[in-house]
Amino acid sequence: MRVNAACRLLADPERKTTDIALETGFYDHSHFSRTFRRIMGLPPKTYRQQHKF
């Protein structure tokens, strides 16, 4: 659920990845990045580049 919420927030290029990590309940940016990559199969930065609005 947290990763799904992060996916929606990553679509906004104005939001910082660290802020998204904290807002969605991850301990820090590293924890968020590792978990996101494990579940989604790509890092948050790449996901953001592919899903810009």
N, C-alpha and C. Protein backbone atom coordinates (compact mmCIF):
# COMPACT_ATOMS: atom_id res chain seq x y z
N MET A 1 0.82 -1.20 0.00
CA MET A 1 0.00 0.00 0.00
C MET A 1 0.86 1.26 0.00
N ARG A 2 1.94 1.22 0.77
CA ARG A 2 2.81 2.41 0.82
C ARG A 2 3.49 2.66 -0.51
N VAL A 3 3.90 1.59 -1.17
CA VAL A 3 4.55 1.75 -2.48
C VAL A 3 3.54 2.26 -3.51
N ASN A 4 2.31 1.80 -3.45
CA ASN A 4 1.28 2.32 -4.36
C ASN A 4 1.06 3.80 -4.14
N ALA A 5 1.01 4.21 -2.88
CA ALA A 5 0.86 5.64 -2.58
C ALA A 5 2.06 6.42 -3.12
N ALA A 6 3.24 5.86 -2.95
CA ALA A 6 4.46 6.51 -3.44
C ALA A 6 4.44 6.65 -4.96
N CYS A 7 3.91 5.66 -5.65
CA CYS A 7 3.81 5.72 -7.11
C CYS A 7 2.98 6.93 -7.54
N ARG A 8 1.88 7.14 -6.87
CA ARG A 8 1.04 8.30 -7.21
C ARG A 8 1.79 9.61 -6.95
N LEU A 9 2.52 9.68 -5.84
CA LEU A 9 3.24 10.90 -5.50
C LEU A 9 4.44 11.13 -6.41
N LEU A 10 5.06 10.07 -6.88
CA LEU A 10 6.23 10.21 -7.76
C LEU A 10 5.87 10.82 -9.11
N ALA A 11 4.61 10.78 -9.48
CA ALA A 11 4.20 11.37 -10.76
C ALA A 11 4.35 12.89 -10.75
N ASP A 12 4.44 13.48 -9.57
CA ASP A 12 4.61 14.94 -9.45
C ASP A 12 6.10 15.26 -9.36
N PRO A 13 6.67 15.86 -10.41
CA PRO A 13 8.12 16.13 -10.42
C PRO A 13 8.57 17.17 -9.40
N GLU A 14 7.63 17.92 -8.84
CA GLU A 14 7.97 18.95 -7.86
C GLU A 14 8.26 18.36 -6.47
N ARG A 15 7.81 17.14 -6.23
CA ARG A 15 7.99 16.52 -4.91
C ARG A 15 9.32 15.81 -4.84
N LYS A 16 10.03 15.98 -3.74
CA LYS A 16 11.31 15.32 -3.53
C LYS A 16 11.08 13.87 -3.11
N THR A 17 11.95 13.01 -3.58
CA THR A 17 11.83 11.59 -3.26
C THR A 17 11.95 11.34 -1.77
N THR A 18 12.82 12.05 -1.10
CA THR A 18 12.98 11.89 0.34
C THR A 18 11.69 12.25 1.07
N ASP A 19 11.04 13.32 0.65
CA ASP A 19 9.76 13.72 1.26
C ASP A 19 8.69 12.67 1.02
N ILE A 20 8.67 12.11 -0.17
CA ILE A 20 7.70 11.06 -0.49
C ILE A 20 7.94 9.85 0.39
N ALA A 21 9.20 9.49 0.57
CA ALA A 21 9.53 8.34 1.43
C ALA A 21 9.00 8.54 2.84
N LEU A 22 9.24 9.70 3.41
CA LEU A 22 8.79 9.97 4.78
C LEU A 22 7.26 10.05 4.86
N GLU A 23 6.63 10.66 3.87
CA GLU A 23 5.17 10.80 3.87
C GLU A 23 4.46 9.46 3.76
N THR A 24 5.09 8.51 3.10
CA THR A 24 4.47 7.20 2.92
C THR A 24 4.89 6.19 3.98
N GLY A 25 5.61 6.64 5.00
CA GLY A 25 5.88 5.79 6.16
C GLY A 25 7.18 5.01 6.14
N PHE A 26 8.09 5.35 5.25
CA PHE A 26 9.38 4.67 5.24
C PHE A 26 10.33 5.38 6.19
N TYR A 27 11.30 4.63 6.73
CA TYR A 27 12.23 5.17 7.72
C TYR A 27 13.10 6.27 7.12
N ASP A 28 13.59 6.03 5.91
CA ASP A 28 14.43 7.01 5.23
C ASP A 28 14.44 6.71 3.73
N HIS A 29 15.17 7.53 3.00
CA HIS A 29 15.23 7.40 1.54
C HIS A 29 15.78 6.04 1.11
N SER A 30 16.79 5.55 1.79
CA SER A 30 17.40 4.26 1.43
C SER A 30 16.41 3.11 1.59
N HIS A 31 15.71 3.09 2.70
CA HIS A 31 14.72 2.04 2.93
C HIS A 31 13.63 2.11 1.85
N PHE A 32 13.19 3.31 1.55
CA PHE A 32 12.19 3.50 0.50
C PHE A 32 12.71 2.98 -0.84
N SER A 33 13.91 3.37 -1.22
CA SER A 33 14.46 2.98 -2.53
C SER A 33 14.61 1.46 -2.64
N ARG A 34 15.13 0.82 -1.60
CA ARG A 34 15.30 -0.63 -1.63
C ARG A 34 13.95 -1.35 -1.74
N THR A 35 13.00 -0.92 -0.95
CA THR A 35 11.68 -1.54 -0.96
C THR A 35 10.97 -1.30 -2.29
N PHE A 36 11.05 -0.07 -2.79
CA PHE A 36 10.42 0.27 -4.06
C PHE A 36 11.00 -0.58 -5.19
N ARG A 37 12.32 -0.70 -5.23
CA ARG A 37 12.96 -1.48 -6.29
C ARG A 37 12.57 -2.96 -6.19
N ARG A 38 12.51 -3.49 -4.98
CA ARG A 38 12.15 -4.89 -4.79
C ARG A 38 10.72 -5.17 -5.28
N ILE A 39 9.80 -4.26 -4.99
CA ILE A 39 8.40 -4.48 -5.34
C ILE A 39 8.10 -4.11 -6.79
N MET A 40 8.61 -2.98 -7.24
CA MET A 40 8.27 -2.47 -8.58
C MET A 40 9.25 -2.92 -9.67
N GLY A 41 10.44 -3.37 -9.28
CA GLY A 41 11.40 -3.84 -10.27
C GLY A 41 12.26 -2.76 -10.89
N LEU A 42 12.13 -1.53 -10.40
CA LEU A 42 12.97 -0.44 -10.88
C LEU A 42 13.04 0.62 -9.77
N PRO A 43 14.09 1.42 -9.79
CA PRO A 43 14.24 2.44 -8.74
C PRO A 43 13.23 3.57 -8.90
N PRO A 44 12.96 4.30 -7.82
CA PRO A 44 12.00 5.39 -7.87
C PRO A 44 12.30 6.43 -8.95
N LYS A 45 13.56 6.74 -9.15
CA LYS A 45 13.94 7.75 -10.15
C LYS A 45 13.51 7.31 -11.55
N THR A 46 13.75 6.07 -11.88
CA THR A 46 13.37 5.55 -13.20
C THR A 46 11.86 5.52 -13.34
N TYR A 47 11.18 5.10 -12.29
CA TYR A 47 9.70 5.10 -12.32
C TYR A 47 9.19 6.51 -12.57
N ARG A 48 9.76 7.47 -11.89
CA ARG A 48 9.34 8.87 -12.04
C ARG A 48 9.54 9.34 -13.48
N GLN A 49 10.68 9.00 -14.08
CA GLN A 49 10.96 9.43 -15.45
C GLN A 49 9.97 8.81 -16.44
N GLN A 50 9.51 7.61 -16.17
CA GLN A 50 8.58 6.93 -17.07
C GLN A 50 7.13 7.35 -16.85
N HIS A 51 6.83 7.98 -15.70
CA HIS A 51 5.44 8.30 -15.37
C HIS A 51 5.22 9.78 -15.07
N LYS A 52 5.90 10.64 -15.76
CA LYS A 52 5.69 12.08 -15.59
C LYS A 52 4.34 12.47 -16.15
N PHE A 53 3.78 13.55 -15.61
CA PHE A 53 2.54 14.07 -16.20
C PHE A 53 2.76 15.42 -16.76
